[in-house]
Protein backbone atom coordinates (compact mmCIF):
# COMPACT_ATOMS: atom_id res chain seq x y z
CA MET A 1 9.49 27.14 15.54
CA SER A 2 6.45 25.56 13.95
CA LEU A 3 6.61 22.49 11.72
CA ILE A 4 4.63 24.43 9.10
CA SER A 5 6.76 27.57 9.09
CA LEU A 6 9.18 28.14 6.21
CA TRP A 7 11.99 28.07 8.77
CA PHE A 8 11.43 24.39 9.54
CA PRO A 9 12.18 22.97 6.06
CA ALA A 10 15.10 25.42 5.88
CA LEU A 11 16.43 24.00 9.15
CA VAL A 12 15.95 20.42 7.94
CA LEU A 13 17.63 21.16 4.59
CA LEU A 14 20.63 22.95 6.09
CA SER A 15 21.02 20.33 8.83
CA ALA A 16 20.79 17.48 6.30
CA VAL A 17 23.50 19.00 4.10
CA ILE A 18 25.86 19.45 7.05
CA TYR A 19 24.85 16.06 8.49
CA TYR A 20 26.00 14.15 5.41
CA LEU A 21 29.17 16.22 5.03
CA VAL A 22 30.63 15.64 8.50
CA PRO A 23 32.19 12.30 9.57
CA LYS A 24 29.61 9.67 10.43
CA ARG A 25 30.60 9.40 14.09
CA ARG A 26 30.04 13.16 14.55
CA ARG A 27 26.68 13.41 12.81
CA TRP A 28 24.75 13.24 16.05
CA LEU A 29 26.25 16.63 16.97
CA VAL A 30 24.55 18.16 13.91
CA LEU A 31 21.20 16.81 15.08
CA LEU A 32 21.86 18.15 18.58
CA ALA A 33 22.70 21.62 17.26
CA ALA A 34 19.57 21.62 15.06
CA SER A 35 17.48 20.56 18.05
CA PHE A 36 18.86 23.42 20.15
CA VAL A 37 18.09 25.90 17.37
CA PHE A 38 14.57 24.54 16.96
CA TYR A 39 13.70 24.59 20.64
CA LEU A 40 15.35 27.92 21.50
CA TRP A 41 13.67 29.61 18.53
CA GLY A 42 10.71 30.55 20.71
CA GLY A 43 12.84 32.04 23.48
CA ILE A 44 15.34 30.82 26.01
CA GLY A 45 12.83 30.92 28.87
CA GLN A 46 11.02 27.72 27.94
CA ALA A 47 14.33 25.82 27.79
CA VAL A 48 14.43 25.76 31.60
CA TYR A 49 11.88 22.95 31.74
CA ILE A 50 13.55 20.68 29.20
CA ILE A 51 16.89 21.23 30.96
CA ILE A 52 15.35 20.13 34.29
CA THR A 53 13.95 17.00 32.65
CA THR A 54 17.19 16.21 30.82
CA VAL A 55 19.48 16.62 33.85
CA SER A 56 17.20 14.86 36.34
CA THR A 57 16.52 11.79 34.17
CA TYR A 58 20.15 11.62 33.02
CA LEU A 59 21.41 11.52 36.63
CA CYS A 60 18.71 9.08 37.73
CA GLY A 61 19.62 6.84 34.80
CA LEU A 62 23.29 6.78 35.84
CA TRP A 63 22.28 6.10 39.45
CA LEU A 64 20.07 3.20 38.40
CA GLN A 65 22.81 1.76 36.19
CA ARG A 66 25.24 1.84 39.11
CA ILE A 67 22.68 0.01 41.26
CA ARG A 68 22.15 -2.64 38.58
CA ASP A 69 25.87 -3.17 38.06
CA GLY A 70 26.74 -3.48 41.75
CA ASN A 71 23.96 -5.55 43.32
CA GLU A 72 22.16 -8.86 43.00
CA ALA A 73 18.69 -8.96 41.42
CA ALA A 74 16.69 -8.96 44.66
CA ARG A 75 18.53 -5.94 46.03
CA VAL A 76 18.30 -4.10 42.69
CA LYS A 77 14.51 -4.38 42.79
CA LYS A 78 14.46 -2.80 46.24
CA LEU A 79 16.99 -0.03 45.58
CA ARG A 80 15.66 1.08 42.20
CA ARG A 81 12.24 2.13 43.48
CA PRO A 82 13.26 5.35 45.28
CA VAL A 83 15.32 6.45 42.25
CA VAL A 84 12.45 5.94 39.83
CA PHE A 85 10.15 7.67 42.33
CA LEU A 86 12.52 10.64 42.51
CA ALA A 87 12.62 10.98 38.70
CA CYS A 88 8.80 10.81 38.57
CA LEU A 89 8.44 13.27 41.46
CA ILE A 90 10.65 15.88 39.79
CA ASN A 91 9.19 15.58 36.30
CA PHE A 92 5.54 14.79 36.95
CA GLY A 93 5.67 17.33 39.77
CA MET A 94 6.80 19.94 37.25
CA LEU A 95 4.09 18.80 34.82
CA PHE A 96 1.48 19.04 37.58
CA ALA A 97 2.61 22.52 38.62
CA ILE A 98 2.49 23.84 35.06
CA LYS A 99 -0.66 22.17 33.76
CA TYR A 100 -2.80 21.00 36.68
CA TRP A 101 -2.11 23.10 39.80
CA ASP A 102 -4.72 25.76 39.04
CA LEU A 103 -7.39 23.17 38.25
CA ALA A 104 -6.55 21.16 41.38
CA ILE A 105 -6.94 24.09 43.77
CA ASP A 106 -10.22 25.06 42.09
CA MET A 107 -11.59 21.53 42.46
CA ALA A 108 -10.45 21.32 46.08
CA GLY A 109 -11.80 24.78 46.90
CA LEU A 110 -8.46 25.87 48.34
CA ARG A 111 -7.44 29.51 48.72
CA LEU A 112 -3.96 29.10 47.35
CA PRO A 113 -2.16 31.25 44.79
CA ARG A 114 -2.66 30.34 41.15
CA LEU A 115 0.59 29.79 39.27
CA GLY A 116 -0.69 30.57 35.78
CA LEU A 117 2.39 29.04 34.13
CA ALA A 118 2.51 28.73 30.35
CA ALA A 119 3.34 25.22 29.16
CA PRO A 120 6.45 25.05 26.95
CA LEU A 121 6.44 23.25 23.62
CA GLY A 122 6.06 19.50 23.85
CA LEU A 123 6.12 19.38 27.68
CA SER A 124 4.23 16.10 28.02
CA PHE A 125 6.09 14.51 25.12
CA PHE A 126 9.63 15.04 26.42
CA ILE A 127 8.67 14.21 30.01
CA PHE A 128 6.97 10.94 29.06
CA GLN A 129 9.85 9.98 26.77
CA SER A 130 12.44 10.68 29.48
CA ILE A 131 10.55 8.84 32.23
CA GLY A 132 10.17 5.87 29.88
CA TYR A 133 13.96 5.87 29.56
CA VAL A 134 14.39 5.85 33.36
CA ALA A 135 11.95 2.95 33.67
CA ASP A 136 13.76 0.98 30.96
CA VAL A 137 17.13 1.49 32.69
CA ALA A 138 15.57 0.40 35.99
CA ARG A 139 14.25 -2.77 34.35
CA GLY A 140 17.57 -3.50 32.63
CA LYS A 141 16.11 -3.14 29.13
CA VAL A 142 18.73 -0.52 28.18
CA ARG A 143 21.98 0.72 29.67
CA ALA A 144 22.16 4.29 30.88
CA GLU A 145 23.67 6.80 28.48
CA ARG A 146 26.85 8.30 30.01
CA ASN A 147 27.26 11.18 27.53
CA ILE A 148 24.90 13.95 28.64
CA LEU A 149 25.03 15.64 25.23
CA LYS A 150 23.93 12.44 23.49
CA PHE A 151 21.19 12.00 26.07
CA SER A 152 20.11 15.62 25.46
CA LEU A 153 19.65 14.74 21.80
CA PHE A 154 17.39 11.81 22.71
CA VAL A 155 15.21 14.10 24.85
CA SER A 156 15.08 17.04 22.43
CA PHE A 157 15.32 15.54 18.91
CA PHE A 158 13.71 18.41 17.01
CA PRO A 159 11.28 16.74 14.53
CA GLN A 160 9.37 14.90 17.26
CA ILE A 161 9.47 17.14 20.29
CA THR A 162 6.24 19.05 19.65
CA GLU A 163 4.04 16.37 18.08
CA GLY A 164 5.61 13.06 19.04
CA PRO A 165 5.65 10.16 18.64
CA ILE A 166 6.95 9.33 22.11
CA GLY A 167 10.17 7.46 21.38
CA ARG A 168 11.77 4.55 23.21
CA PHE A 169 15.48 4.82 24.00
CA GLY A 170 16.29 1.31 22.78
CA ALA A 171 14.79 1.95 19.34
CA LEU A 172 15.54 5.65 18.77
CA ALA A 173 18.89 6.35 20.45
CA PRO A 174 21.06 4.03 18.31
CA GLN A 175 19.73 5.70 15.16
CA LEU A 176 20.49 9.14 16.56
CA TYR A 177 24.00 8.32 17.76
CA GLU A 178 25.38 6.01 15.06
CA GLY A 179 24.67 8.21 12.06
CA SER A 180 23.20 7.18 8.72
CA ASP A 181 24.63 6.93 5.23
CA LEU A 182 23.29 9.17 2.49
CA ASP A 183 20.42 7.28 0.87
CA TYR A 184 18.24 8.78 -1.86
CA GLU A 185 15.40 6.44 -0.93
CA ASN A 186 15.30 7.83 2.63
CA ILE A 187 15.18 11.41 1.37
CA ARG A 188 12.51 10.65 -1.23
CA SER A 189 10.40 8.75 1.26
CA GLY A 190 10.83 11.46 3.89
CA LEU A 191 9.82 14.23 1.51
CA GLN A 192 6.75 12.32 0.37
CA LEU A 193 5.64 11.66 3.94
CA SER A 194 6.19 15.31 4.91
CA MET A 195 4.22 16.51 1.85
CA TRP A 196 1.38 14.17 2.79
CA GLY A 197 1.41 15.63 6.28
CA LEU A 198 1.40 19.20 4.96
CA ILE A 199 -1.64 18.46 2.79
CA LYS A 200 -3.46 17.05 5.82
CA LYS A 201 -2.61 20.09 7.93
CA LEU A 202 -2.65 23.06 5.54
CA VAL A 203 -5.18 21.97 2.94
CA ILE A 204 -7.68 19.95 4.99
CA ALA A 205 -7.35 20.65 8.73
CA GLU A 206 -7.20 24.44 8.39
CA ARG A 207 -10.27 24.57 6.17
CA ALA A 208 -12.22 22.09 8.31
CA GLY A 209 -11.45 24.16 11.40
CA VAL A 210 -12.82 27.44 10.01
CA ILE A 211 -16.25 27.12 11.63
CA VAL A 212 -15.24 24.96 14.60
CA SER A 213 -14.26 27.67 17.07
CA LYS A 214 -17.23 29.86 16.14
CA VAL A 215 -19.84 27.13 16.68
CA TYR A 216 -18.22 25.67 19.80
CA SER A 217 -17.96 29.09 21.45
CA ASP A 218 -21.75 29.53 21.38
CA GLY A 219 -23.30 26.19 20.50
CA GLY A 220 -26.69 27.20 21.85
CA ALA A 221 -27.12 29.76 19.06
CA TYR A 222 -27.11 27.27 16.20
CA ASP A 223 -29.40 24.62 14.77
CA GLY A 224 -28.59 21.03 15.76
CA ALA A 225 -27.60 20.14 12.19
CA VAL A 226 -25.08 23.01 12.07
CA ILE A 227 -23.66 21.89 15.42
CA ALA A 228 -23.35 18.29 14.22
CA PHE A 229 -21.61 19.52 11.05
CA ALA A 230 -19.17 21.60 13.14
CA VAL A 231 -18.41 18.57 15.32
CA LEU A 232 -17.80 16.50 12.18
CA MET A 233 -15.43 19.21 10.92
CA TYR A 234 -13.66 19.12 14.27
CA CYS A 235 -13.17 15.35 13.91
CA VAL A 236 -11.62 15.95 10.47
CA GLN A 237 -9.54 18.87 11.75
CA LEU A 238 -8.19 16.99 14.76
CA TYR A 239 -7.20 13.89 12.80
CA CYS A 240 -5.58 15.78 9.93
CA ASP A 241 -3.89 18.23 12.28
CA PHE A 242 -2.33 15.63 14.58
CA SER A 243 -1.59 12.88 12.07
CA GLY A 244 -0.37 15.50 9.60
CA GLY A 245 2.03 16.92 12.18
CA VAL A 246 3.37 13.46 12.99
CA ASP A 247 3.80 12.73 9.27
CA ILE A 248 5.82 15.93 8.85
CA ALA A 249 7.97 14.99 11.86
CA ARG A 250 8.53 11.41 10.73
CA GLY A 251 9.27 12.59 7.21
CA ALA A 252 11.88 15.08 8.44
CA ALA A 253 13.53 12.38 10.57
CA LYS A 254 13.53 10.00 7.60
CA CYS A 255 15.66 12.50 5.65
CA PHE A 256 18.38 11.76 8.21
CA GLY A 257 17.82 8.01 7.87
CA ILE A 258 15.95 7.83 11.19
CA ASP A 259 12.76 5.76 11.50
CA MET A 260 10.44 7.05 14.20
CA ALA A 261 7.62 4.94 15.59
CA GLU A 262 4.28 4.87 13.78
CA ASN A 263 1.69 6.89 15.69
CA PHE A 264 -1.50 6.30 13.70
CA LYS A 265 -2.81 3.13 12.15
CA ARG A 266 -6.01 4.02 10.33
CA PRO A 267 -8.29 4.55 13.38
CA ILE A 268 -11.36 5.00 11.18
CA PHE A 269 -11.36 1.22 10.62
CA ALA A 270 -11.48 0.40 14.33
CA LYS A 271 -14.35 -1.89 15.30
CA THR A 272 -14.31 -1.10 19.03
CA LEU A 273 -13.45 1.94 21.13
CA THR A 274 -10.49 0.05 22.62
CA GLU A 275 -9.17 -0.70 19.14
CA TYR A 276 -9.69 2.92 18.15
CA TRP A 277 -7.40 4.12 20.92
CA ARG A 278 -4.84 1.45 20.03
CA ARG A 279 -4.74 2.92 16.52
CA TRP A 280 -4.84 6.61 17.57
CA HIS A 281 -1.71 8.10 19.16
CA ILE A 282 -0.13 4.65 19.34
CA SER A 283 3.00 5.77 21.18
CA LEU A 284 1.00 7.32 24.06
CA GLY A 285 -1.18 4.20 24.39
CA ALA A 286 1.89 1.95 24.37
CA TRP A 287 3.59 4.17 26.97
CA LEU A 288 0.60 4.03 29.32
CA ARG A 289 0.28 0.27 28.79
CA ASP A 290 3.93 -0.52 29.55
CA TYR A 291 4.65 2.02 32.29
CA VAL A 292 1.28 2.42 34.03
CA PHE A 293 -1.20 -0.36 33.19
CA TYR A 294 1.05 -3.41 33.67
CA PRO A 295 2.83 -2.07 36.80
CA LEU A 296 -0.56 -1.11 38.25
CA THR A 297 -2.15 -4.51 37.70
CA PHE A 298 0.79 -6.22 39.44
CA THR A 299 0.62 -4.11 42.60
CA LYS A 300 -0.38 -5.65 45.93
CA LEU A 301 -3.57 -3.59 45.96
CA PHE A 302 -4.76 -4.98 42.64
CA ASN A 303 -3.77 -8.50 43.67
CA ARG A 304 -5.98 -8.12 46.73
CA ILE A 305 -8.83 -6.75 44.64
CA GLY A 306 -8.45 -9.72 42.28
CA LYS A 307 -8.58 -12.24 45.12
CA LEU A 308 -11.66 -10.60 46.61
CA THR A 309 -13.57 -10.43 43.32
CA ARG A 310 -12.70 -14.01 42.37
CA LYS A 311 -13.79 -15.21 45.81
CA HIS A 312 -17.02 -13.22 46.27
CA ILE A 313 -18.15 -12.72 42.65
CA GLY A 314 -16.46 -15.55 40.79
CA GLY A 315 -16.70 -16.48 37.15
CA THR A 316 -15.50 -14.33 34.29
CA LEU A 317 -16.80 -11.14 35.90
CA GLY A 318 -14.83 -11.66 39.09
CA ARG A 319 -11.69 -12.39 37.09
CA ILE A 320 -11.77 -9.31 34.87
CA ILE A 321 -12.83 -6.65 37.39
CA PRO A 322 -9.23 -5.73 38.39
CA THR A 323 -8.20 -5.41 34.73
CA SER A 324 -11.31 -3.36 34.00
CA LEU A 325 -10.53 -1.03 36.91
CA ALA A 326 -6.96 -0.53 35.66
CA THR A 327 -8.32 0.13 32.17
CA PHE A 328 -10.69 2.77 33.53
CA ILE A 329 -7.78 4.51 35.27
CA ILE A 330 -5.73 4.50 32.06
CA TYR A 331 -8.44 6.16 30.00
CA PHE A 332 -9.09 8.68 32.75
CA LEU A 333 -5.38 9.56 32.50
CA VAL A 334 -5.71 9.82 28.71
CA GLY A 335 -8.38 12.47 29.25
CA ILE A 336 -6.31 14.39 31.80
CA TRP A 337 -3.23 14.20 29.55
CA HIS A 338 -5.09 16.15 26.87
CA GLY A 339 -5.85 19.12 29.09
CA ALA A 340 -6.42 20.50 32.56
CA ASN A 341 -10.10 21.34 32.65
CA TYR A 342 -13.42 19.68 33.42
CA THR A 343 -14.18 18.86 29.78
CA TYR A 344 -11.10 16.63 29.52
CA ILE A 345 -11.91 14.98 32.85
CA ALA A 346 -15.39 14.25 31.48
CA PHE A 347 -13.85 12.99 28.22
CA GLY A 348 -11.60 10.60 30.16
CA LEU A 349 -14.54 9.36 32.24
CA TYR A 350 -16.67 8.96 29.11
CA ASN A 351 -14.10 6.73 27.41
CA GLY A 352 -13.14 4.94 30.60
CA LEU A 353 -16.72 4.03 31.48
CA LEU A 354 -17.61 2.85 27.97
CA ILE A 355 -14.47 0.74 27.57
CA THR A 356 -14.78 -0.72 31.07
CA ALA A 357 -18.43 -1.55 30.44
CA GLY A 358 -17.43 -3.17 27.16
CA LEU A 359 -14.87 -5.38 28.93
CA LEU A 360 -17.38 -6.42 31.57
CA MET A 361 -20.08 -7.19 28.99
CA ALA A 362 -17.74 -8.88 26.48
CA PRO A 363 -18.45 -12.51 27.60
CA ALA A 364 -22.22 -12.03 27.34
CA PHE A 365 -21.85 -10.25 24.00
CA GLU A 366 -19.72 -13.09 22.57
CA LYS A 367 -22.39 -15.62 23.61
CA LEU A 368 -25.05 -13.52 21.88
CA LYS A 369 -22.97 -13.37 18.67
CA THR A 370 -22.57 -17.15 18.75
CA ARG A 371 -26.32 -17.66 19.13
CA LEU A 372 -27.02 -15.29 16.25
CA LYS A 373 -24.29 -17.00 14.19
CA ILE A 374 -22.38 -13.77 13.62
CA GLY A 375 -18.84 -14.69 12.58
CA PRO A 376 -15.77 -12.49 13.20
CA LYS A 377 -15.45 -11.78 9.45
CA THR A 378 -19.11 -11.01 8.70
CA ARG A 379 -18.97 -7.92 6.49
CA TRP A 380 -22.17 -6.26 7.55
CA PHE A 381 -21.31 -6.68 11.21
CA SER A 382 -17.80 -5.30 10.64
CA ALA A 383 -19.31 -2.25 8.94
CA PHE A 384 -21.82 -1.87 11.77
CA SER A 385 -19.01 -2.12 14.35
CA MET A 386 -16.95 0.58 12.61
CA LEU A 387 -19.95 2.92 12.34
CA ARG A 388 -20.84 2.30 15.99
CA THR A 389 -17.28 3.11 17.05
CA MET A 390 -17.20 6.29 14.95
CA LEU A 391 -20.50 7.40 16.51
CA ILE A 392 -19.08 6.92 20.01
CA VAL A 393 -15.95 8.88 19.05
CA PHE A 394 -18.11 11.56 17.41
CA ILE A 395 -20.12 12.08 20.59
CA GLY A 396 -16.89 12.30 22.59
CA ARG A 397 -15.71 15.18 20.39
CA TYR A 398 -18.60 17.32 21.62
CA ILE A 399 -16.89 17.23 25.00
CA THR A 400 -13.21 17.79 24.17
CA ARG A 401 -13.56 20.97 22.08
CA ALA A 402 -16.25 22.73 24.10
CA PRO A 403 -14.97 25.65 26.22
CA TYR A 404 -16.74 24.21 29.25
CA LEU A 405 -18.75 21.11 30.08
CA LYS A 406 -22.14 22.83 30.17
CA MET A 407 -21.68 24.02 26.58
CA ALA A 408 -20.93 20.45 25.45
CA LEU A 409 -24.20 19.29 27.02
CA ILE A 410 -26.13 22.17 25.43
CA MET A 411 -24.72 21.28 22.02
CA LEU A 412 -25.59 17.60 22.46
CA LYS A 413 -29.12 18.49 23.51
CA ARG A 414 -29.67 20.81 20.52
CA THR A 415 -28.27 18.19 18.12
CA VAL A 416 -30.89 15.70 19.30
CA ALA A 417 -33.86 18.00 19.96
CA ASP A 418 -33.48 20.71 17.32
CA PHE A 419 -32.00 19.04 14.23
CA HIS A 420 -33.08 20.41 10.85
CA ILE A 421 -31.06 19.28 7.83
CA SER A 422 -32.33 22.29 5.87
CA ALA A 423 -30.21 24.54 8.13
CA LEU A 424 -27.09 23.30 6.36
CA PHE A 425 -28.37 24.82 3.09
CA SER A 426 -29.55 28.13 4.55
CA GLY A 427 -26.23 29.93 4.12
CA VAL A 428 -25.18 29.59 7.76
CA ILE A 429 -22.09 27.52 6.91
CA GLN A 430 -20.90 30.15 4.44
CA SER A 431 -21.63 32.97 6.89
CA LEU A 432 -19.32 31.28 9.38
CA GLY A 433 -16.45 31.50 6.90
CA MET A 434 -16.52 28.15 5.12
CA THR A 435 -17.03 28.72 1.40
CA GLY A 436 -18.32 26.25 -1.14
CA LEU A 437 -14.77 25.76 -2.40
CA ASP A 438 -13.64 24.98 1.13
CA LEU A 439 -16.33 22.32 1.42
CA ILE A 440 -15.28 20.73 -1.86
CA VAL A 441 -11.60 20.73 -0.87
CA VAL A 442 -12.29 19.18 2.55
CA ALA A 443 -14.62 16.54 1.09
CA ALA A 444 -12.09 15.64 -1.62
CA GLY A 445 -9.31 15.51 0.96
CA VAL A 446 -11.26 13.21 3.27
CA ILE A 447 -12.11 10.91 0.36
CA LEU A 448 -8.44 10.81 -0.69
CA ILE A 449 -7.23 10.02 2.83
CA ASN A 450 -9.82 7.30 3.32
CA ALA A 451 -8.99 5.79 -0.09
CA VAL A 452 -5.28 5.63 0.74
CA GLU A 453 -5.95 4.22 4.21
CA LEU A 454 -8.36 1.63 2.79
CA ILE A 455 -5.63 0.43 0.40
CA GLU A 456 -3.18 0.20 3.30
CA GLU A 457 -5.73 -1.51 5.55
CA ARG A 458 -5.98 -4.22 2.90
CA GLY A 459 -2.25 -4.83 3.15
CA THR A 460 -0.63 -2.63 0.51
CA ASP A 461 2.10 -0.19 1.57
CA VAL A 462 1.40 2.78 -0.70
CA ARG A 463 4.82 4.41 -0.27
CA LEU A 464 6.61 1.10 -0.83
CA ALA A 465 4.55 0.48 -3.97
CA LEU A 466 5.36 3.99 -5.18
CA SER A 467 9.10 3.40 -4.64
CA LYS A 468 8.95 0.69 -7.31
CA LYS A 469 7.67 3.11 -9.93
CA SER A 470 9.86 5.09 -12.32
CA GLY A 471 11.86 8.08 -11.11
CA PHE A 472 9.61 10.43 -13.12
CA THR A 473 6.48 9.07 -11.40
CA GLN A 474 8.07 9.45 -7.99
CA TRP A 475 9.03 13.08 -8.60
CA VAL A 476 5.57 13.85 -9.93
CA CYS A 477 4.11 12.41 -6.73
CA MET A 478 6.30 14.81 -4.75
CA ALA A 479 5.71 17.86 -6.97
CA LEU A 480 1.92 17.38 -7.10
CA PRO A 481 1.35 17.68 -3.33
CA LEU A 482 3.55 20.80 -3.29
CA ALA A 483 1.45 22.31 -6.07
CA ILE A 484 -1.74 21.46 -4.18
CA ILE A 485 -0.41 23.18 -1.05
CA VAL A 486 0.59 26.33 -2.97
CA ILE A 487 -2.74 26.53 -4.84
CA ALA A 488 -4.68 25.92 -1.63
CA ALA A 489 -2.73 28.72 0.07
CA LEU A 490 -3.50 31.13 -2.78
CA LEU A 491 -7.21 30.24 -2.62
CA SER A 492 -7.47 30.42 1.18
CA GLY A 493 -10.06 32.62 2.76
CA ASP A 494 -9.65 34.99 5.70
CA TYR A 495 -7.77 32.47 7.79
CA THR A 496 -4.12 31.58 8.24
CA ALA A 497 -2.41 28.37 9.28
CA SER A 498 -2.64 27.92 13.04
CA SER A 499 -0.39 26.06 15.43
CA PHE A 500 -0.80 22.33 15.92
CA ILE A 501 -3.50 21.32 18.41
CA TYR A 502 -1.36 18.69 20.13
CA ALA A 503 1.64 21.01 20.53
CA GLN A 504 -0.05 22.41 23.66
CA PHE A 505 -0.19 18.97 25.30
């Protein structure tokens, strides 16, 4: 079931009515039933994978809790490792078999059978969330959940399973299990957030994506200006598609009184590539930081690397090399997480190399800023930093959407060597399916989003400010987005709403 199908709001509405009618201590069962309906909508076959993840991490969690309850700290540390390893082996092994096996045997040149398995909805999301739970139990941050049905709800909570955010057991589970009281403010806020997400997805992302697939499939056939425009539209499509999906999910959860983690924090205002990724898909970045980056930097191997670099290189450079290496690995994993092909490997390397280089050059760059008397709050430099970051991100988008790496390089080359702005006014854009009305709608949508995010970046919570207005104003602000969505649907061209891009990850 898609978040933009008519069945999804029907499921949310029906579930919400039943949820608030049953006793509070039983409300989690309503959410569990709704989650089963949502996930099994596409067929019972894909449920096999989520069952494997649920059962394996549930049992490993109980095992870890028994270890923690029956042993002293030193022995717990020793005994927990094989259990965590087993949970990772089962789940990441399954993820590898489904998403990466075929690529791995191609890269290794092995004559082994290709599996050709189709990834189920939200595979990476529910695996990462469940492994995070196992790690938190192992560290003693949370106690293992003994009720397997309650744990199943944590793994499969239906608003978030296809788009995220990746939840933490300590923050999400109590909200799921304890039940919430009926609160008009939660429902109003949830509906507004969902409407905002639907506008991003249906009104902006779908229109922006009209020419994307056509240009990316044969980038060598178009003028560099048309290619650059298509890449820009892909940037708009990707942001509105993913953030819109998360808004819909968070809004649906809010109708049940459940606050899910924020997953985007206005990435367009990022001044560095590192900051950009901290603002984009926040829950994935936080997961990799807490469960990969920190454990990696404290391993014996990285301690040895640190000692060697401090001894033989010295200074700031010798001190930050181990951290820079771990950072490079993290961003390589970010690339691989997005897809199993060479373009995503290149995308991970692109970001990893740039961010690692930035870390290594940071001390020298800070000295240069001091000499030039550039303060941290200098407006022109802040604007320059944001534009620089957006340019780096823009170039990276050539890589991620291209069908293969060679096409990405061809498109980059043509953008630089064969760029004619007049090509944008030659009728090519319209011939690719993007009408003048589409262009106006996308431009207006981007301006609206940036205006709202600018207000929030300056410290004003738009939804909180709206909640203080009159009831009439609040209902108008909910009815207006719905009207925009309906009108946009009636005026749509020869395209229909597609599935969410991140649902395949």
